[in-house]
């Protein structure tokens, strides 16, 4: 379990296997509940090809391509038909069984990118 605070956000990230997180539950000003499920793929080119399809209209954008501060994965978010988001990315942080996990606080969600879907200009 890790957590992010800042800008009115309260998020809990649940790990599965050795990934930093595969499910996120949040309390945002306009939302409480399951925020997203993460799907890890093999490479940045795979993420990029999927992002091109999203830009062509394959799914509604929640957040643009970017890199998180809490998990160095390069990813984007799209809205599922059920209303929660799918995060599609690669390079997520792996957590070791040998080292204790230390819950951490981040003051920003992204190192770069991650703009709201409404701010994304489609090609």
PDB file of N, CA and C in Angstrom:
ATOM      1  N   UNK A   1       0.855  -1.180   0.000  1.00  0.00           N
ATOM      2  CA  UNK A   1       0.000   0.000   0.000  1.00  0.00           C
ATOM      3  C   UNK A   1       0.890   1.228   0.000  1.00  0.00           C
ATOM      4  N   UNK A   2       0.629   2.133  -0.917  1.00  0.00           N
ATOM      5  CA  UNK A   2       1.304   3.423  -0.889  1.00  0.00           C
ATOM      6  C   UNK A   2       0.245   4.490  -1.043  1.00  0.00           C
ATOM      7  N   UNK A   3       0.633   5.732  -0.815  1.00  0.00           N
ATOM      8  CA  UNK A   3      -0.365   6.784  -0.761  1.00  0.00           C
ATOM      9  C   UNK A   3       0.166   8.062  -1.369  1.00  0.00           C
ATOM     10  N   UNK A   4      -0.725   8.859  -1.963  1.00  0.00           N
ATOM     11  CA  UNK A   4      -0.372  10.168  -2.522  1.00  0.00           C
ATOM     12  C   UNK A   4      -1.295  11.214  -1.919  1.00  0.00           C
ATOM     13  N   UNK A   5      -0.733  12.292  -1.445  1.00  0.00           N
ATOM     14  CA  UNK A   5      -1.495  13.441  -0.962  1.00  0.00           C
ATOM     15  C   UNK A   5      -1.079  14.646  -1.777  1.00  0.00           C
ATOM     16  N   UNK A   6      -1.940  15.586  -1.873  1.00  0.00           N
ATOM     17  CA  UNK A   6      -1.588  16.843  -2.515  1.00  0.00           C
ATOM     18  C   UNK A   6      -2.684  17.304  -3.446  1.00  0.00           C
ATOM     19  N   UNK A   7      -2.867  18.578  -3.546  1.00  0.00           N
ATOM     20  CA  UNK A   7      -3.853  19.176  -4.443  1.00  0.00           C
ATOM     21  C   UNK A   7      -5.245  18.600  -4.225  1.00  0.00           C
ATOM     22  N   UNK A   8      -5.608  18.316  -2.982  1.00  0.00           N
ATOM     23  CA  UNK A   8      -6.933  17.783  -2.694  1.00  0.00           C
ATOM     24  C   UNK A   8      -7.106  16.323  -3.038  1.00  0.00           C
ATOM     25  N   UNK A   9      -6.002  15.590  -3.247  1.00  0.00           N
ATOM     26  CA  UNK A   9      -6.073  14.186  -3.630  1.00  0.00           C
ATOM     27  C   UNK A   9      -5.735  13.290  -2.453  1.00  0.00           C
ATOM     28  N   UNK A  10      -6.447  12.209  -2.346  1.00  0.00           N
ATOM     29  CA  UNK A  10      -6.123  11.157  -1.388  1.00  0.00           C
ATOM     30  C   UNK A  10      -6.231   9.861  -2.166  1.00  0.00           C
ATOM     31  N   UNK A  11      -5.117   9.194  -2.408  1.00  0.00           N
ATOM     32  CA  UNK A  11      -5.132   7.976  -3.194  1.00  0.00           C
ATOM     33  C   UNK A  11      -4.426   6.842  -2.493  1.00  0.00           C
ATOM     34  N   UNK A  12      -4.962   5.654  -2.649  1.00  0.00           N
ATOM     35  CA  UNK A  12      -4.349   4.458  -2.109  1.00  0.00           C
ATOM     36  C   UNK A  12      -4.062   3.515  -3.261  1.00  0.00           C
ATOM     37  N   UNK A  13      -2.829   3.037  -3.339  1.00  0.00           N
ATOM     38  CA  UNK A  13      -2.374   2.210  -4.447  1.00  0.00           C
ATOM     39  C   UNK A  13      -2.117   0.804  -3.920  1.00  0.00           C
ATOM     40  N   UNK A  14      -2.839  -0.170  -4.449  1.00  0.00           N
ATOM     41  CA  UNK A  14      -2.751  -1.554  -3.993  1.00  0.00           C
ATOM     42  C   UNK A  14      -1.885  -2.340  -4.961  1.00  0.00           C
ATOM     43  N   UNK A  15      -0.861  -2.991  -4.410  1.00  0.00           N
ATOM     44  CA  UNK A  15       0.026  -3.723  -5.302  1.00  0.00           C
ATOM     45  C   UNK A  15      -0.467  -5.146  -5.511  1.00  0.00           C
ATOM     46  N   UNK A  16       0.047  -5.748  -6.558  1.00  0.00           N
ATOM     47  CA  UNK A  16      -0.259  -7.127  -6.886  1.00  0.00           C
ATOM     48  C   UNK A  16       1.008  -7.744  -7.425  1.00  0.00           C
ATOM     49  N   UNK A  17       1.411  -8.860  -6.880  1.00  0.00           N
ATOM     50  CA  UNK A  17       2.688  -9.422  -7.295  1.00  0.00           C
ATOM     51  C   UNK A  17       3.792  -8.462  -6.900  1.00  0.00           C
ATOM     52  N   UNK A  18       4.654  -8.112  -7.837  1.00  0.00           N
ATOM     53  CA  UNK A  18       5.774  -7.230  -7.529  1.00  0.00           C
ATOM     54  C   UNK A  18       5.609  -5.825  -8.100  1.00  0.00           C
ATOM     55  N   UNK A  19       4.475  -5.515  -8.699  1.00  0.00           N
ATOM     56  CA  UNK A  19       4.229  -4.185  -9.250  1.00  0.00           C
ATOM     57  C   UNK A  19       3.943  -3.199  -8.121  1.00  0.00           C
ATOM     58  N   UNK A  20       4.351  -1.936  -8.347  1.00  0.00           N
ATOM     59  CA  UNK A  20       4.049  -0.886  -7.374  1.00  0.00           C
ATOM     60  C   UNK A  20       2.557  -0.864  -7.061  1.00  0.00           C
ATOM     61  N   UNK A  21       1.732  -0.852  -8.108  1.00  0.00           N
ATOM     62  CA  UNK A  21       0.295  -0.963  -7.890  1.00  0.00           C
ATOM     63  C   UNK A  21      -0.390  -1.450  -9.160  1.00  0.00           C
ATOM     64  N   UNK A  22      -1.513  -2.125  -8.958  1.00  0.00           N
ATOM     65  CA  UNK A  22      -2.341  -2.543 -10.071  1.00  0.00           C
ATOM     66  C   UNK A  22      -3.763  -2.000  -9.942  1.00  0.00           C
ATOM     67  N   UNK A  23      -4.117  -1.531  -8.756  1.00  0.00           N
ATOM     68  CA  UNK A  23      -5.432  -0.939  -8.512  1.00  0.00           C
ATOM     69  C   UNK A  23      -5.231   0.314  -7.679  1.00  0.00           C
ATOM     70  N   UNK A  24      -5.979   1.369  -8.026  1.00  0.00           N
ATOM     71  CA  UNK A  24      -5.942   2.604  -7.240  1.00  0.00           C
ATOM     72  C   UNK A  24      -7.352   2.968  -6.810  1.00  0.00           C
ATOM     73  N   UNK A  25      -7.476   3.294  -5.544  1.00  0.00           N
ATOM     74  CA  UNK A  25      -8.742   3.742  -4.970  1.00  0.00           C
ATOM     75  C   UNK A  25      -8.513   5.157  -4.499  1.00  0.00           C
ATOM     76  N   UNK A  26      -9.437   6.058  -4.818  1.00  0.00           N
ATOM     77  CA  UNK A  26      -9.175   7.451  -4.498  1.00  0.00           C
ATOM     78  C   UNK A  26     -10.358   8.182  -3.920  1.00  0.00           C
ATOM     79  N   UNK A  27     -10.030   9.280  -3.272  1.00  0.00           N
ATOM     80  CA  UNK A  27     -11.013  10.250  -2.801  1.00  0.00           C
ATOM     81  C   UNK A  27     -10.590  11.587  -3.382  1.00  0.00           C
ATOM     82  N   UNK A  28     -11.275  11.998  -4.435  1.00  0.00           N
ATOM     83  CA  UNK A  28     -10.995  13.241  -5.126  1.00  0.00           C
ATOM     84  C   UNK A  28     -12.172  14.186  -4.888  1.00  0.00           C
ATOM     85  N   UNK A  29     -12.018  15.457  -5.176  1.00  0.00           N
ATOM     86  CA  UNK A  29     -13.136  16.378  -4.953  1.00  0.00           C
ATOM     87  C   UNK A  29     -14.430  15.947  -5.645  1.00  0.00           C
ATOM     88  N   UNK A  30     -14.334  15.325  -6.817  1.00  0.00           N
ATOM     89  CA  UNK A  30     -15.544  14.950  -7.547  1.00  0.00           C
ATOM     90  C   UNK A  30     -15.742  13.439  -7.677  1.00  0.00           C
ATOM     91  N   UNK A  31     -14.956  12.649  -6.930  1.00  0.00           N
ATOM     92  CA  UNK A  31     -14.980  11.208  -7.147  1.00  0.00           C
ATOM     93  C   UNK A  31     -14.501  10.459  -5.913  1.00  0.00           C
ATOM     94  N   UNK A  32     -15.184   9.366  -5.575  1.00  0.00           N
ATOM     95  CA  UNK A  32     -14.732   8.451  -4.527  1.00  0.00           C
ATOM     96  C   UNK A  32     -14.967   7.037  -5.036  1.00  0.00           C
ATOM     97  N   UNK A  33     -13.958   6.168  -4.949  1.00  0.00           N
ATOM     98  CA  UNK A  33     -14.121   4.780  -5.353  1.00  0.00           C
ATOM     99  C   UNK A  33     -12.970   4.272  -6.186  1.00  0.00           C
ATOM    100  N   UNK A  34     -13.239   3.218  -6.967  1.00  0.00           N
ATOM    101  CA  UNK A  34     -12.222   2.632  -7.834  1.00  0.00           C
ATOM    102  C   UNK A  34     -11.867   3.642  -8.914  1.00  0.00           C
ATOM    103  N   UNK A  35     -10.614   4.055  -8.952  1.00  0.00           N
ATOM    104  CA  UNK A  35     -10.183   5.014  -9.959  1.00  0.00           C
ATOM    105  C   UNK A  35      -9.683   4.311 -11.210  1.00  0.00           C
ATOM    106  N   UNK A  36      -8.733   3.366 -11.043  1.00  0.00           N
ATOM    107  CA  UNK A  36      -8.201   2.706 -12.225  1.00  0.00           C
ATOM    108  C   UNK A  36      -7.614   1.340 -11.936  1.00  0.00           C
ATOM    109  N   UNK A  37      -7.472   0.597 -13.010  1.00  0.00           N
ATOM    110  CA  UNK A  37      -6.762  -0.681 -13.025  1.00  0.00           C
ATOM    111  C   UNK A  37      -5.617  -0.525 -14.019  1.00  0.00           C
ATOM    112  N   UNK A  38      -4.438  -1.008 -13.647  1.00  0.00           N
ATOM    113  CA  UNK A  38      -3.243  -0.845 -14.469  1.00  0.00           C
ATOM    114  C   UNK A  38      -2.991  -2.082 -15.314  1.00  0.00           C
ATOM    115  N   UNK A  39      -2.686  -1.861 -16.578  1.00  0.00           N
ATOM    116  CA  UNK A  39      -2.295  -2.932 -17.483  1.00  0.00           C
ATOM    117  C   UNK A  39      -0.876  -2.662 -17.950  1.00  0.00           C
ATOM    118  N   UNK A  40       0.057  -3.525 -17.559  1.00  0.00           N
ATOM    119  CA  UNK A  40       1.475  -3.390 -17.926  1.00  0.00           C
ATOM    120  C   UNK A  40       1.727  -4.090 -19.257  1.00  0.00           C
ATOM    121  N   UNK A  41       2.394  -3.386 -20.170  1.00  0.00           N
ATOM    122  CA  UNK A  41       2.792  -3.980 -21.446  1.00  0.00           C
ATOM    123  C   UNK A  41       4.311  -4.004 -21.538  1.00  0.00           C
ATOM    124  N   UNK A  42       4.840  -4.522 -22.642  1.00  0.00           N
ATOM    125  CA  UNK A  42       6.264  -4.841 -22.721  1.00  0.00           C
ATOM    126  C   UNK A  42       7.205  -3.684 -23.019  1.00  0.00           C
ATOM    127  N   UNK A  43       6.726  -2.597 -23.630  1.00  0.00           N
ATOM    128  CA  UNK A  43       7.677  -1.577 -24.068  1.00  0.00           C
ATOM    129  C   UNK A  43       7.013  -0.230 -24.328  1.00  0.00           C
ATOM    130  N   UNK A  44       7.833   0.808 -24.378  1.00  0.00           N
ATOM    131  CA  UNK A  44       7.340   2.143 -24.722  1.00  0.00           C
ATOM    132  C   UNK A  44       6.754   2.159 -26.144  1.00  0.00           C
ATOM    133  N   UNK A  45       7.360   1.488 -27.143  1.00  0.00           N
ATOM    134  CA  UNK A  45       6.718   1.468 -28.462  1.00  0.00           C
ATOM    135  C   UNK A  45       5.296   0.878 -28.434  1.00  0.00           C
ATOM    136  N   UNK A  46       5.065  -0.138 -27.617  1.00  0.00           N
ATOM    137  CA  UNK A  46       3.717  -0.702 -27.491  1.00  0.00           C
ATOM    138  C   UNK A  46       2.776   0.333 -26.898  1.00  0.00           C
ATOM    139  N   UNK A  47       3.233   1.037 -25.861  1.00  0.00           N
ATOM    140  CA  UNK A  47       2.422   2.108 -25.264  1.00  0.00           C
ATOM    141  C   UNK A  47       2.155   3.194 -26.309  1.00  0.00           C
ATOM    142  N   UNK A  48       3.180   3.585 -27.046  1.00  0.00           N
ATOM    143  CA  UNK A  48       3.035   4.629 -28.053  1.00  0.00           C
ATOM    144  C   UNK A  48       2.050   4.275 -29.149  1.00  0.00           C
ATOM    145  N   UNK A  49       2.073   3.031 -29.616  1.00  0.00           N
ATOM    146  CA  UNK A  49       1.121   2.610 -30.657  1.00  0.00           C
ATOM    147  C   UNK A  49      -0.311   2.658 -30.133  1.00  0.00           C
ATOM    148  N   UNK A  50      -0.495   2.240 -28.879  1.00  0.00           N
ATOM    149  CA  UNK A  50      -1.828   2.307 -28.275  1.00  0.00           C
ATOM    150  C   UNK A  50      -2.263   3.763 -28.097  1.00  0.00           C
ATOM    151  N   UNK A  51      -1.325   4.636 -27.691  1.00  0.00           N
ATOM    152  CA  UNK A  51      -1.633   6.061 -27.527  1.00  0.00           C
ATOM    153  C   UNK A  51      -2.075   6.662 -28.863  1.00  0.00           C
ATOM    154  N   UNK A  52      -1.417   6.281 -29.961  1.00  0.00           N
ATOM    155  CA  UNK A  52      -1.826   6.750 -31.288  1.00  0.00           C
ATOM    156  C   UNK A  52      -3.271   6.352 -31.582  1.00  0.00           C
ATOM    157  N   UNK A  53      -3.652   5.123 -31.219  1.00  0.00           N
ATOM    158  CA  UNK A  53      -5.033   4.667 -31.439  1.00  0.00           C
ATOM    159  C   UNK A  53      -6.015   5.477 -30.593  1.00  0.00           C
ATOM    160  N   UNK A  54      -5.621   5.769 -29.357  1.00  0.00           N
ATOM    161  CA  UNK A  54      -6.479   6.586 -28.491  1.00  0.00           C
ATOM    162  C   UNK A  54      -6.649   7.980 -29.093  1.00  0.00           C
ATOM    163  N   UNK A  55      -5.561   8.572 -29.560  1.00  0.00           N
ATOM    164  CA  UNK A  55      -5.648   9.896 -30.188  1.00  0.00           C
ATOM    165  C   UNK A  55      -6.542   9.881 -31.428  1.00  0.00           C
ATOM    166  N   UNK A  56      -6.643   8.717 -32.087  1.00  0.00           N
ATOM    167  CA  UNK A  56      -7.504   8.575 -33.264  1.00  0.00           C
ATOM    168  C   UNK A  56      -8.956   8.298 -32.876  1.00  0.00           C
ATOM    169  N   UNK A  57      -9.243   8.246 -31.559  1.00  0.00           N
ATOM    170  CA  UNK A  57     -10.627   8.106 -31.116  1.00  0.00           C
ATOM    171  C   UNK A  57     -11.020   6.764 -30.551  1.00  0.00           C
ATOM    172  N   UNK A  58     -10.069   5.878 -30.269  1.00  0.00           N
ATOM    173  CA  UNK A  58     -10.393   4.528 -29.792  1.00  0.00           C
ATOM    174  C   UNK A  58     -11.052   4.507 -28.413  1.00  0.00           C
ATOM    175  N   UNK A  59     -10.766   5.497 -27.568  1.00  0.00           N
ATOM    176  CA  UNK A  59     -11.339   5.534 -26.215  1.00  0.00           C
ATOM    177  C   UNK A  59     -11.247   6.954 -25.668  1.00  0.00           C
ATOM    178  N   UNK A  60     -12.156   7.314 -24.769  1.00  0.00           N
ATOM    179  CA  UNK A  60     -12.083   8.637 -24.146  1.00  0.00           C
ATOM    180  C   UNK A  60     -10.842   8.756 -23.255  1.00  0.00           C
ATOM    181  N   UNK A  61     -10.127   9.868 -23.384  1.00  0.00           N
ATOM    182  CA  UNK A  61      -8.895  10.091 -22.623  1.00  0.00           C
ATOM    183  C   UNK A  61      -9.235  10.642 -21.238  1.00  0.00           C
ATOM    184  N   UNK A  62      -8.649  10.014 -20.221  1.00  0.00           N
ATOM    185  CA  UNK A  62      -8.740  10.529 -18.851  1.00  0.00           C
ATOM    186  C   UNK A  62      -7.504  11.379 -18.569  1.00  0.00           C
ATOM    187  N   UNK A  63      -6.312  10.828 -18.859  1.00  0.00           N
ATOM    188  CA  UNK A  63      -5.046  11.554 -18.687  1.00  0.00           C
ATOM    189  C   UNK A  63      -4.108  11.201 -19.827  1.00  0.00           C
ATOM    190  N   UNK A  64      -3.361  12.209 -20.279  1.00  0.00           N
ATOM    191  CA  UNK A  64      -2.442  12.012 -21.398  1.00  0.00           C
ATOM    192  C   UNK A  64      -1.230  11.185 -20.996  1.00  0.00           C
ATOM    193  N   UNK A  65      -0.468  10.825 -21.996  1.00  0.00           N
ATOM    194  CA  UNK A  65       0.780  10.113 -21.795  1.00  0.00           C
ATOM    195  C   UNK A  65       1.673  10.906 -20.841  1.00  0.00           C
ATOM    196  N   UNK A  66       2.265  10.215 -19.869  1.00  0.00           N
ATOM    197  CA  UNK A  66       3.136  10.884 -18.909  1.00  0.00           C
ATOM    198  C   UNK A  66       3.868   9.882 -18.045  1.00  0.00           C
ATOM    199  N   UNK A  67       4.653  10.414 -17.109  1.00  0.00           N
ATOM    200  CA  UNK A  67       5.419   9.572 -16.193  1.00  0.00           C
ATOM    201  C   UNK A  67       5.121  10.011 -14.766  1.00  0.00           C
ATOM    202  N   UNK A  68       4.683   9.066 -13.949  1.00  0.00           N
ATOM    203  CA  UNK A  68       4.343   9.350 -12.557  1.00  0.00           C
ATOM    204  C   UNK A  68       5.574   9.606 -11.698  1.00  0.00           C
ATOM    205  N   UNK A  69       5.383  10.345 -10.618  1.00  0.00           N
ATOM    206  CA  UNK A  69       6.445  10.555  -9.639  1.00  0.00           C
ATOM    207  C   UNK A  69       6.580   9.331  -8.725  1.00  0.00           C
ATOM    208  N   UNK A  70       5.456   8.698  -8.376  1.00  0.00           N
ATOM    209  CA  UNK A  70       5.490   7.587  -7.422  1.00  0.00           C
ATOM    210  C   UNK A  70       5.859   6.249  -8.045  1.00  0.00           C
ATOM    211  N   UNK A  71       5.745   6.140  -9.345  1.00  0.00           N
ATOM    212  CA  UNK A  71       6.038   4.902 -10.054  1.00  0.00           C
ATOM    213  C   UNK A  71       6.536   5.337 -11.425  1.00  0.00           C
ATOM    214  N   UNK A  72       7.753   5.016 -11.800  1.00  0.00           N
ATOM    215  CA  UNK A  72       8.314   5.578 -13.029  1.00  0.00           C
ATOM    216  C   UNK A  72       7.705   5.053 -14.326  1.00  0.00           C
ATOM    217  N   UNK A  73       6.579   4.369 -14.250  1.00  0.00           N
ATOM    218  CA  UNK A  73       5.938   3.886 -15.464  1.00  0.00           C
ATOM    219  C   UNK A  73       5.591   5.048 -16.396  1.00  0.00           C
ATOM    220  N   UNK A  74       5.711   4.796 -17.683  1.00  0.00           N
ATOM    221  CA  UNK A  74       5.240   5.721 -18.715  1.00  0.00           C
ATOM    222  C   UNK A  74       3.882   5.166 -19.133  1.00  0.00           C
ATOM    223  N   UNK A  75       2.826   5.992 -18.976  1.00  0.00           N
ATOM    224  CA  UNK A  75       1.486   5.464 -19.184  1.00  0.00           C
ATOM    225  C   UNK A  75       0.499   6.565 -19.537  1.00  0.00           C
ATOM    226  N   UNK A  76      -0.715   6.135 -19.874  1.00  0.00           N
ATOM    227  CA  UNK A  76      -1.845   7.034 -20.062  1.00  0.00           C
ATOM    228  C   UNK A  76      -3.082   6.340 -19.506  1.00  0.00           C
ATOM    229  N   UNK A  77      -4.149   7.107 -19.360  1.00  0.00           N
ATOM    230  CA  UNK A  77      -5.406   6.583 -18.827  1.00  0.00           C
ATOM    231  C   UNK A  77      -6.525   6.815 -19.830  1.00  0.00           C
ATOM    232  N   UNK A  78      -7.370   5.806 -19.994  1.00  0.00           N
ATOM    233  CA  UNK A  78      -8.580   5.943 -20.800  1.00  0.00           C
ATOM    234  C   UNK A  78      -9.767   5.494 -19.953  1.00  0.00           C
ATOM    235  N   UNK A  79     -10.940   5.974 -20.329  1.00  0.00           N
ATOM    236  CA  UNK A  79     -12.153   5.628 -19.586  1.00  0.00           C
ATOM    237  C   UNK A  79     -12.729   4.318 -20.093  1.00  0.00           C
ATOM    238  N   UNK A  80     -13.086   3.434 -19.158  1.00  0.00           N
ATOM    239  CA  UNK A  80     -13.719   2.171 -19.519  1.00  0.00           C
ATOM    240  C   UNK A  80     -15.221   2.409 -19.723  1.00  0.00           C
ATOM    241  N   UNK A  81     -15.908   1.482 -20.371  1.00  0.00           N
ATOM    242  CA  UNK A  81     -17.357   1.627 -20.517  1.00  0.00           C
ATOM    243  C   UNK A  81     -18.090   1.685 -19.164  1.00  0.00           C
ATOM    244  N   UNK A  82     -17.472   1.148 -18.119  1.00  0.00           N
ATOM    245  CA  UNK A  82     -18.084   1.164 -16.784  1.00  0.00           C
ATOM    246  C   UNK A  82     -17.801   2.436 -16.000  1.00  0.00           C
ATOM    247  N   UNK A  83     -16.958   3.311 -16.557  1.00  0.00           N
ATOM    248  CA  UNK A  83     -16.718   4.602 -15.917  1.00  0.00           C
ATOM    249  C   UNK A  83     -15.423   4.712 -15.139  1.00  0.00           C
ATOM    250  N   UNK A  84     -14.793   3.600 -14.782  1.00  0.00           N
ATOM    251  CA  UNK A  84     -13.484   3.707 -14.140  1.00  0.00           C
ATOM    252  C   UNK A  84     -12.428   3.749 -15.238  1.00  0.00           C
ATOM    253  N   UNK A  85     -11.196   4.028 -14.873  1.00  0.00           N
ATOM    254  CA  UNK A  85     -10.138   4.194 -15.869  1.00  0.00           C
ATOM    255  C   UNK A  85      -9.268   2.948 -15.978  1.00  0.00           C
ATOM    256  N   UNK A  86      -8.712   2.779 -17.175  1.00  0.00           N
ATOM    257  CA  UNK A  86      -7.647   1.815 -17.408  1.00  0.00           C
ATOM    258  C   UNK A  86      -6.372   2.609 -17.602  1.00  0.00           C
ATOM    259  N   UNK A  87      -5.337   2.255 -16.846  1.00  0.00           N
ATOM    260  CA  UNK A  87      -4.016   2.822 -17.069  1.00  0.00           C
ATOM    261  C   UNK A  87      -3.248   1.817 -17.919  1.00  0.00           C
ATOM    262  N   UNK A  88      -2.663   2.271 -18.998  1.00  0.00           N
ATOM    263  CA  UNK A  88      -1.950   1.411 -19.944  1.00  0.00           C
ATOM    264  C   UNK A  88      -0.521   1.913 -20.014  1.00  0.00           C
ATOM    265  N   UNK A  89       0.450   1.083 -19.616  1.00  0.00           N
ATOM    266  CA  UNK A  89       1.811   1.584 -19.584  1.00  0.00           C
ATOM    267  C   UNK A  89       2.859   0.500 -19.484  1.00  0.00           C
ATOM    268  N   UNK A  90       4.108   0.948 -19.307  1.00  0.00           N
ATOM    269  CA  UNK A  90       5.225   0.028 -19.133  1.00  0.00           C
ATOM    270  C   UNK A  90       6.254   0.649 -18.188  1.00  0.00           C
ATOM    271  N   UNK A  91       7.101  -0.202 -17.663  1.00  0.00           N
ATOM    272  CA  UNK A  91       8.195   0.269 -16.818  1.00  0.00           C
ATOM    273  C   UNK A  91       7.821   0.585 -15.394  1.00  0.00           C
ATOM    274  N   UNK A  92       6.775  -0.062 -14.867  1.00  0.00           N
ATOM    275  CA  UNK A  92       6.380   0.242 -13.493  1.00  0.00           C
ATOM    276  C   UNK A  92       7.405  -0.268 -12.492  1.00  0.00           C
ATOM    277  N   UNK A  93       7.407   0.367 -11.356  1.00  0.00           N
ATOM    278  CA  UNK A  93       8.332   0.006 -10.279  1.00  0.00           C
ATOM    279  C   UNK A  93       8.015  -1.398  -9.790  1.00  0.00           C
ATOM    280  N   UNK A  94       9.052  -2.173  -9.583  1.00  0.00           N
ATOM    281  CA  UNK A  94       8.916  -3.501  -8.983  1.00  0.00           C
ATOM    282  C   UNK A  94       9.307  -3.421  -7.519  1.00  0.00           C
ATOM    283  N   UNK A  95       8.564  -4.127  -6.691  1.00  0.00           N
ATOM    284  CA  UNK A  95       8.804  -4.132  -5.253  1.00  0.00           C
ATOM    285  C   UNK A  95       9.415  -5.469  -4.878  1.00  0.00           C
ATOM    286  N   UNK A  96      10.496  -5.420  -4.151  1.00  0.00           N
ATOM    287  CA  UNK A  96      11.224  -6.618  -3.742  1.00  0.00           C
ATOM    288  C   UNK A  96      10.592  -7.238  -2.500  1.00  0.00           C
ATOM    289  N   UNK A  97      10.556  -8.573  -2.479  1.00  0.00           N
ATOM    290  CA  UNK A  97      10.099  -9.273  -1.276  1.00  0.00           C
ATOM    291  C   UNK A  97      11.117  -9.154  -0.145  1.00  0.00           C
ATOM    292  N   UNK A  98      12.386  -8.915  -0.497  1.00  0.00           N
ATOM    293  CA  UNK A  98      13.443  -8.894   0.499  1.00  0.00           C
ATOM    294  C   UNK A  98      13.530  -7.572   1.263  1.00  0.00           C
ATOM    295  N   UNK A  99      13.075  -6.495   0.645  1.00  0.00           N
ATOM    296  CA  UNK A  99      13.191  -5.179   1.278  1.00  0.00           C
ATOM    297  C   UNK A  99      11.825  -4.710   1.769  1.00  0.00           C
ATOM    298  N   UNK A 100      11.772  -4.107   2.940  1.00  0.00           N
ATOM    299  CA  UNK A 100      10.483  -3.620   3.437  1.00  0.00           C
ATOM    300  C   UNK A 100       9.996  -2.442   2.589  1.00  0.00           C
ATOM    301  N   UNK A 101       8.680  -2.382   2.359  1.00  0.00           N
ATOM    302  CA  UNK A 101       8.084  -1.273   1.621  1.00  0.00           C
ATOM    303  C   UNK A 101       7.843  -0.125   2.591  1.00  0.00           C
ATOM    304  N   UNK A 102       8.237   1.057   2.202  1.00  0.00           N
ATOM    305  CA  UNK A 102       8.038   2.240   3.038  1.00  0.00           C
ATOM    306  C   UNK A 102       6.996   3.121   2.360  1.00  0.00           C
ATOM    307  N   UNK A 103       5.900   3.364   3.057  1.00  0.00           N
ATOM    308  CA  UNK A 103       4.866   4.246   2.522  1.00  0.00           C
ATOM    309  C   UNK A 103       5.445   5.640   2.348  1.00  0.00           C
ATOM    310  N   UNK A 104       5.155   6.272   1.226  1.00  0.00           N
ATOM    311  CA  UNK A 104       5.775   7.542   0.871  1.00  0.00           C
ATOM    312  C   UNK A 104       4.726   8.546   0.441  1.00  0.00           C
ATOM    313  N   UNK A 105       5.029   9.816   0.620  1.00  0.00           N
ATOM    314  CA  UNK A 105       4.146  10.894   0.194  1.00  0.00           C
ATOM    315  C   UNK A 105       4.801  11.663  -0.946  1.00  0.00           C
ATOM    316  N   UNK A 106       4.015  11.948  -1.993  1.00  0.00           N
ATOM    317  CA  UNK A 106       4.492  12.744  -3.116  1.00  0.00           C
ATOM    318  C   UNK A 106       3.649  14.007  -3.203  1.00  0.00           C
ATOM    319  N   UNK A 107       4.283  15.097  -3.551  1.00  0.00           N
ATOM    320  CA  UNK A 107       3.563  16.360  -3.673  1.00  0.00           C
ATOM    321  C   UNK A 107       3.064  16.616  -5.087  1.00  0.00           C
ATOM    322  N   UNK A 108       3.467  15.784  -6.022  1.00  0.00           N
ATOM    323  CA  UNK A 108       3.009  15.910  -7.404  1.00  0.00           C
ATOM    324  C   UNK A 108       2.758  14.509  -7.945  1.00  0.00           C
ATOM    325  N   UNK A 109       1.826  14.387  -8.844  1.00  0.00           N
ATOM    326  CA  UNK A 109       1.506  13.078  -9.397  1.00  0.00           C
ATOM    327  C   UNK A 109       2.400  12.709 -10.577  1.00  0.00           C
ATOM    328  N   UNK A 110       2.879  13.711 -11.342  1.00  0.00           N
ATOM    329  CA  UNK A 110       3.614  13.434 -12.571  1.00  0.00           C
ATOM    330  C   UNK A 110       4.955  14.146 -12.615  1.00  0.00           C
ATOM    331  N   UNK A 111       5.943  13.474 -13.211  1.00  0.00           N
ATOM    332  CA  UNK A 111       7.218  14.115 -13.532  1.00  0.00           C
ATOM    333  C   UNK A 111       7.066  14.917 -14.820  1.00  0.00           C
ATOM    334  N   UNK A 112       6.249  14.409 -15.751  1.00  0.00           N
ATOM    335  CA  UNK A 112       5.917  15.101 -17.011  1.00  0.00           C
ATOM    336  C   UNK A 112       4.626  14.499 -17.544  1.00  0.00           C
ATOM    337  N   UNK A 113       3.917  15.256 -18.380  1.00  0.00           N
ATOM    338  CA  UNK A 113       2.687  14.772 -19.002  1.00  0.00           C
ATOM    339  C   UNK A 113       1.576  14.569 -17.990  1.00  0.00           C
ATOM    340  N   UNK A 114       0.689  13.644 -18.305  1.00  0.00           N
ATOM    341  CA  UNK A 114      -0.434  13.342 -17.418  1.00  0.00           C
ATOM    342  C   UNK A 114      -1.487  14.425 -17.381  1.00  0.00           C
ATOM    343  N   UNK A 115      -1.655  15.135 -18.487  1.00  0.00           N
ATOM    344  CA  UNK A 115      -2.629  16.226 -18.543  1.00  0.00           C
ATOM    345  C   UNK A 115      -4.050  15.667 -18.619  1.00  0.00           C
ATOM    346  N   UNK A 116      -5.017  16.365 -18.050  1.00  0.00           N
ATOM    347  CA  UNK A 116      -6.414  15.900 -18.132  1.00  0.00           C
ATOM    348  C   UNK A 116      -6.845  15.701 -19.586  1.00  0.00           C
ATOM    349  N   UNK A 117      -7.719  14.723 -19.803  1.00  0.00           N
ATOM    350  CA  UNK A 117      -8.180  14.426 -21.153  1.00  0.00           C
ATOM    351  C   UNK A 117      -8.753  15.627 -21.870  1.00  0.00           C
ATOM    352  N   UNK A 118      -9.400  16.515 -21.141  1.00  0.00           N
ATOM    353  CA  UNK A 118      -9.988  17.706 -21.762  1.00  0.00           C
ATOM    354  C   UNK A 118      -8.933  18.654 -22.313  1.00  0.00           C
ATOM    355  N   UNK A 119      -7.678  18.510 -21.858  1.00  0.00           N
ATOM    356  CA  UNK A 119      -6.601  19.392 -22.303  1.00  0.00           C
ATOM    357  C   UNK A 119      -5.830  18.821 -23.497  1.00  0.00           C
ATOM    358  N   UNK A 120      -6.179  17.598 -23.908  1.00  0.00           N
ATOM    359  CA  UNK A 120      -5.441  16.927 -24.980  1.00  0.00           C
ATOM    360  C   UNK A 120      -6.023  17.303 -26.339  1.00  0.00           C
ATOM    361  N   UNK A 121      -5.180  17.755 -27.232  1.00  0.00           N
ATOM    362  CA  UNK A 121      -5.581  18.059 -28.597  1.00  0.00           C
ATOM    363  C   UNK A 121      -5.352  16.835 -29.451  1.00  0.00           C
ATOM    364  N   UNK A 122      -6.397  16.331 -30.049  1.00  0.00           N
ATOM    365  CA  UNK A 122      -6.270  15.136 -30.886  1.00  0.00           C
ATOM    366  C   UNK A 122      -5.834  15.518 -32.287  1.00  0.00           C
ATOM    367  N   UNK A 123      -5.053  14.605 -32.900  1.00  0.00           N
ATOM    368  CA  UNK A 123      -4.537  14.846 -34.258  1.00  0.00           C
ATOM    369  C   UNK A 123      -5.645  14.789 -35.285  1.00  0.00           C
TER     370      UNK A 123
END
